[in-house]
Structures are given as structure tokens and as C-alpha cells.
N, C-alpha and C. Protein backbone atom coordinates (compact mmCIF):
# COMPACT_ATOMS: atom_id res chain seq x y z
N UNK A 1 13.92 3.89 16.64
CA UNK A 1 13.98 2.45 16.41
C UNK A 1 12.61 1.85 16.05
N UNK A 2 11.58 2.28 16.76
CA UNK A 2 10.24 1.73 16.49
C UNK A 2 9.75 2.15 15.11
N UNK A 3 10.04 3.39 14.72
CA UNK A 3 9.63 3.88 13.41
C UNK A 3 10.36 3.12 12.30
N UNK A 4 11.65 2.86 12.50
CA UNK A 4 12.42 2.10 11.52
C UNK A 4 11.87 0.69 11.38
N UNK A 5 11.52 0.06 12.49
CA UNK A 5 10.94 -1.28 12.45
C UNK A 5 9.64 -1.28 11.65
N UNK A 6 8.83 -0.27 11.85
CA UNK A 6 7.56 -0.15 11.13
C UNK A 6 7.80 -0.02 9.63
N UNK A 7 8.76 0.82 9.25
CA UNK A 7 9.08 1.01 7.84
C UNK A 7 9.56 -0.30 7.23
N UNK A 8 10.40 -1.01 7.93
CA UNK A 8 10.93 -2.28 7.40
C UNK A 8 9.82 -3.32 7.24
N UNK A 9 8.87 -3.35 8.17
CA UNK A 9 7.76 -4.30 8.06
C UNK A 9 6.85 -3.96 6.88
N UNK A 10 6.62 -2.67 6.66
CA UNK A 10 5.81 -2.26 5.51
C UNK A 10 6.51 -2.64 4.21
N UNK A 11 7.82 -2.48 4.17
CA UNK A 11 8.58 -2.87 2.98
C UNK A 11 8.47 -4.37 2.73
N UNK A 12 8.46 -5.17 3.79
CA UNK A 12 8.27 -6.61 3.64
C UNK A 12 6.90 -6.92 3.05
N UNK A 13 5.89 -6.20 3.50
CA UNK A 13 4.53 -6.40 2.98
C UNK A 13 4.45 -5.95 1.52
N UNK A 14 5.16 -4.87 1.19
CA UNK A 14 5.19 -4.39 -0.20
C UNK A 14 5.83 -5.44 -1.11
N UNK A 15 6.88 -6.05 -0.63
CA UNK A 15 7.54 -7.09 -1.41
C UNK A 15 6.62 -8.29 -1.59
N UNK A 16 5.89 -8.65 -0.56
CA UNK A 16 4.92 -9.75 -0.67
C UNK A 16 3.86 -9.41 -1.71
N UNK A 17 3.39 -8.16 -1.72
CA UNK A 17 2.41 -7.71 -2.73
C UNK A 17 2.99 -7.88 -4.14
N UNK A 18 4.22 -7.46 -4.32
CA UNK A 18 4.84 -7.55 -5.64
C UNK A 18 4.96 -9.00 -6.10
N UNK A 19 5.19 -9.91 -5.17
CA UNK A 19 5.33 -11.32 -5.51
C UNK A 19 4.01 -11.95 -5.95
N UNK A 20 2.89 -11.49 -5.40
CA UNK A 20 1.59 -12.09 -5.74
C UNK A 20 0.77 -11.23 -6.69
N UNK A 21 1.31 -10.10 -7.11
CA UNK A 21 0.57 -9.15 -7.93
C UNK A 21 0.05 -9.77 -9.23
N UNK A 22 0.86 -10.54 -9.93
CA UNK A 22 0.43 -11.13 -11.20
C UNK A 22 -0.80 -12.02 -11.02
N UNK A 23 -0.82 -12.77 -9.93
CA UNK A 23 -1.99 -13.61 -9.64
C UNK A 23 -3.21 -12.75 -9.35
N UNK A 24 -3.02 -11.67 -8.60
CA UNK A 24 -4.13 -10.80 -8.24
C UNK A 24 -4.72 -10.10 -9.46
N UNK A 25 -3.88 -9.70 -10.39
CA UNK A 25 -4.35 -9.02 -11.60
C UNK A 25 -5.29 -9.92 -12.39
N UNK A 26 -5.03 -11.22 -12.38
CA UNK A 26 -5.84 -12.16 -13.15
C UNK A 26 -7.13 -12.57 -12.44
N UNK A 27 -7.27 -12.18 -11.18
CA UNK A 27 -8.45 -12.54 -10.40
C UNK A 27 -9.43 -11.36 -10.39
N UNK A 28 -10.63 -11.52 -10.96
CA UNK A 28 -11.60 -10.42 -11.00
C UNK A 28 -11.99 -9.89 -9.62
N UNK A 29 -11.80 -10.70 -8.60
CA UNK A 29 -12.12 -10.26 -7.24
C UNK A 29 -11.18 -9.12 -6.80
N UNK A 30 -9.94 -9.14 -7.30
CA UNK A 30 -8.94 -8.17 -6.88
C UNK A 30 -8.54 -7.16 -7.95
N UNK A 31 -8.62 -7.53 -9.23
CA UNK A 31 -8.14 -6.66 -10.30
C UNK A 31 -8.85 -5.31 -10.28
N UNK A 32 -8.03 -4.25 -10.40
CA UNK A 32 -8.52 -2.86 -10.41
C UNK A 32 -9.08 -2.41 -9.05
N UNK A 33 -8.77 -3.15 -7.99
CA UNK A 33 -9.20 -2.78 -6.65
C UNK A 33 -7.98 -2.62 -5.75
N UNK A 34 -8.18 -1.98 -4.63
CA UNK A 34 -7.12 -1.86 -3.63
C UNK A 34 -7.11 -3.12 -2.77
N UNK A 35 -5.92 -3.59 -2.45
CA UNK A 35 -5.79 -4.74 -1.55
C UNK A 35 -4.91 -4.34 -0.37
N UNK A 36 -5.16 -4.99 0.76
CA UNK A 36 -4.35 -4.80 1.95
C UNK A 36 -3.58 -6.09 2.20
N UNK A 37 -2.27 -5.94 2.43
CA UNK A 37 -1.40 -7.09 2.66
C UNK A 37 -0.82 -7.00 4.07
N UNK A 38 -0.99 -8.08 4.81
CA UNK A 38 -0.48 -8.17 6.18
C UNK A 38 0.07 -9.57 6.39
N UNK A 39 1.28 -9.65 6.88
CA UNK A 39 1.97 -10.92 7.10
C UNK A 39 2.02 -11.75 5.82
N UNK A 40 2.20 -11.06 4.68
CA UNK A 40 2.38 -11.74 3.41
C UNK A 40 1.12 -12.20 2.72
N UNK A 41 -0.05 -11.91 3.29
CA UNK A 41 -1.31 -12.38 2.70
C UNK A 41 -2.27 -11.21 2.51
N UNK A 42 -3.14 -11.35 1.53
CA UNK A 42 -4.19 -10.36 1.31
C UNK A 42 -5.24 -10.53 2.40
N UNK A 43 -5.51 -9.44 3.12
CA UNK A 43 -6.48 -9.50 4.21
C UNK A 43 -7.75 -8.71 3.92
N UNK A 44 -7.78 -8.06 2.76
CA UNK A 44 -8.97 -7.31 2.40
C UNK A 44 -8.82 -6.64 1.06
N UNK A 45 -9.95 -6.30 0.44
CA UNK A 45 -9.92 -5.55 -0.80
C UNK A 45 -11.16 -4.66 -0.88
N UNK A 46 -11.02 -3.58 -1.63
CA UNK A 46 -12.12 -2.62 -1.76
C UNK A 46 -11.80 -1.70 -2.93
N UNK A 47 -12.83 -1.13 -3.52
CA UNK A 47 -12.62 -0.17 -4.60
C UNK A 47 -12.15 1.18 -4.04
N UNK A 48 -12.40 1.42 -2.76
CA UNK A 48 -12.03 2.68 -2.12
C UNK A 48 -10.90 2.44 -1.11
N UNK A 49 -9.79 3.12 -1.33
CA UNK A 49 -8.62 2.92 -0.46
C UNK A 49 -8.90 3.30 0.99
N UNK A 50 -9.61 4.40 1.20
CA UNK A 50 -9.92 4.85 2.55
C UNK A 50 -10.80 3.87 3.31
N UNK A 51 -11.81 3.34 2.63
CA UNK A 51 -12.69 2.35 3.27
C UNK A 51 -11.93 1.09 3.64
N UNK A 52 -11.04 0.68 2.73
CA UNK A 52 -10.23 -0.51 3.00
C UNK A 52 -9.34 -0.29 4.21
N UNK A 53 -8.65 0.84 4.24
CA UNK A 53 -7.76 1.13 5.37
C UNK A 53 -8.54 1.13 6.68
N UNK A 54 -9.68 1.77 6.69
CA UNK A 54 -10.49 1.83 7.90
C UNK A 54 -10.90 0.44 8.38
N UNK A 55 -11.36 -0.40 7.45
CA UNK A 55 -11.83 -1.73 7.86
C UNK A 55 -10.70 -2.63 8.36
N UNK A 56 -9.54 -2.59 7.70
CA UNK A 56 -8.46 -3.47 8.15
C UNK A 56 -7.85 -3.00 9.46
N UNK A 57 -7.75 -1.68 9.66
CA UNK A 57 -7.22 -1.19 10.93
C UNK A 57 -8.19 -1.45 12.08
N UNK A 58 -9.49 -1.41 11.80
CA UNK A 58 -10.46 -1.76 12.84
C UNK A 58 -10.35 -3.23 13.22
N UNK A 59 -10.08 -4.06 12.23
CA UNK A 59 -10.01 -5.51 12.46
C UNK A 59 -8.68 -5.94 13.08
N UNK A 60 -7.55 -5.35 12.62
CA UNK A 60 -6.23 -5.82 13.03
C UNK A 60 -5.50 -4.86 13.97
N UNK A 61 -6.05 -3.68 14.19
CA UNK A 61 -5.35 -2.68 14.98
C UNK A 61 -4.38 -1.91 14.11
N UNK A 62 -3.72 -0.95 14.71
CA UNK A 62 -2.80 -0.11 13.93
C UNK A 62 -1.44 -0.80 13.84
N UNK A 63 -1.34 -1.68 12.86
CA UNK A 63 -0.11 -2.44 12.59
C UNK A 63 0.33 -2.13 11.16
N UNK A 64 1.60 -2.39 10.83
CA UNK A 64 2.07 -2.11 9.47
C UNK A 64 1.35 -2.98 8.43
N UNK A 65 0.54 -2.33 7.63
CA UNK A 65 -0.21 -3.00 6.56
C UNK A 65 0.08 -2.25 5.27
N UNK A 66 0.34 -2.99 4.21
CA UNK A 66 0.60 -2.37 2.91
C UNK A 66 -0.66 -2.39 2.07
N UNK A 67 -1.04 -1.23 1.55
CA UNK A 67 -2.23 -1.11 0.71
C UNK A 67 -1.81 -0.56 -0.64
N UNK A 68 -2.25 -1.24 -1.71
CA UNK A 68 -1.92 -0.78 -3.06
C UNK A 68 -3.02 -1.22 -4.01
N UNK A 69 -3.06 -0.59 -5.16
CA UNK A 69 -4.06 -0.93 -6.17
C UNK A 69 -3.51 -2.01 -7.08
N UNK A 70 -4.34 -2.99 -7.39
CA UNK A 70 -3.95 -4.09 -8.27
C UNK A 70 -4.22 -3.66 -9.71
N UNK A 71 -3.15 -3.33 -10.42
CA UNK A 71 -3.25 -2.92 -11.82
C UNK A 71 -2.11 -3.56 -12.59
N UNK A 72 -2.34 -3.74 -13.89
CA UNK A 72 -1.32 -4.31 -14.76
C UNK A 72 -0.16 -3.33 -14.88
N UNK A 73 1.05 -3.81 -14.88
CA UNK A 73 2.23 -2.96 -15.04
C UNK A 73 2.66 -2.34 -13.73
N UNK A 74 3.62 -1.44 -13.83
CA UNK A 74 4.15 -0.76 -12.65
C UNK A 74 3.40 0.53 -12.40
N UNK A 75 3.20 0.83 -11.15
CA UNK A 75 2.61 2.12 -10.78
C UNK A 75 3.74 3.09 -10.54
N UNK A 76 3.52 4.31 -10.96
CA UNK A 76 4.50 5.36 -10.73
C UNK A 76 3.86 6.41 -9.83
N UNK A 77 4.47 6.62 -8.70
CA UNK A 77 3.94 7.57 -7.73
C UNK A 77 4.87 8.76 -7.68
N UNK A 78 4.30 9.94 -7.87
CA UNK A 78 5.09 11.16 -7.77
C UNK A 78 4.82 11.81 -6.43
N UNK A 79 5.89 12.17 -5.77
CA UNK A 79 5.77 12.85 -4.50
C UNK A 79 6.24 14.28 -4.70
N UNK A 80 5.33 15.23 -4.56
CA UNK A 80 5.74 16.62 -4.76
C UNK A 80 6.68 17.08 -3.66
N UNK A 81 7.61 17.93 -4.03
CA UNK A 81 8.50 18.49 -3.02
C UNK A 81 8.40 20.01 -3.10
N UNK A 82 8.59 20.66 -1.99
CA UNK A 82 8.49 22.12 -2.01
C UNK A 82 9.62 22.74 -2.81
N UNK A 83 9.28 23.77 -3.53
CA UNK A 83 10.31 24.47 -4.28
C UNK A 83 10.97 25.49 -3.37
N UNK A 84 12.24 25.62 -3.54
CA UNK A 84 12.96 26.61 -2.75
C UNK A 84 12.98 27.92 -3.52
N UNK A 85 12.54 28.95 -2.87
CA UNK A 85 12.50 30.26 -3.49
C UNK A 85 13.49 31.15 -2.74
N UNK A 86 14.39 31.70 -3.50
CA UNK A 86 15.38 32.57 -2.88
C UNK A 86 14.88 34.00 -2.96
N UNK A 87 14.80 34.63 -1.84
CA UNK A 87 14.37 36.02 -1.78
C UNK A 87 15.55 36.89 -1.35
N UNK A 88 15.71 37.94 -2.06
CA UNK A 88 16.76 38.87 -1.67
C UNK A 88 16.14 40.00 -0.87
N UNK A 89 16.77 40.33 0.22
CA UNK A 89 16.26 41.38 1.11
C UNK A 89 17.03 42.65 0.90
């Protein structure tokens, strides 16, 4: 239950990011940088995703925060999956 709640909160933050993304792209402060969204607002930005994550978690604690890069258009993320290899014995 707690994990599901966390996933749902991150999805809410992702949706908030999508709603303000066009504005962020036009702002040189955010364009081409990673932003962190918490409770529907941008709480930080950085050129390095790891540095941004570290700083926002230090400031807000380990809470569901959505981090994404502000770029024009849609981002496509590929998640590799293991290939199944059938071995005959």
C-alpha cells in the first residue's frame, strides 16, 4: 500500500511537470536543465540530475519528487528488458 501511494504521488508530480513544461522550455533558467517537481511546483533545477536529486532530498527528505529534463518535444525513455534464452539440456 505504501509503495502504491508513492507511485501515485510521483505520477501526480509528473502530470504537474507536463502541465508547466511549455513555460519551462521558454525560460532560460530551466530550459535544457533538470527540474524537480514537488507538490505541483518546481523546487529546484540543475544541469546534473544526480546533484539535483541529492540537493532536493537533503532539503525535503525522502518524499516522492519527480525529476525530468526540460526539453522541447516528448522524451522517449527505453527500458531494457532481459532476453530469455532457452537452453536445451
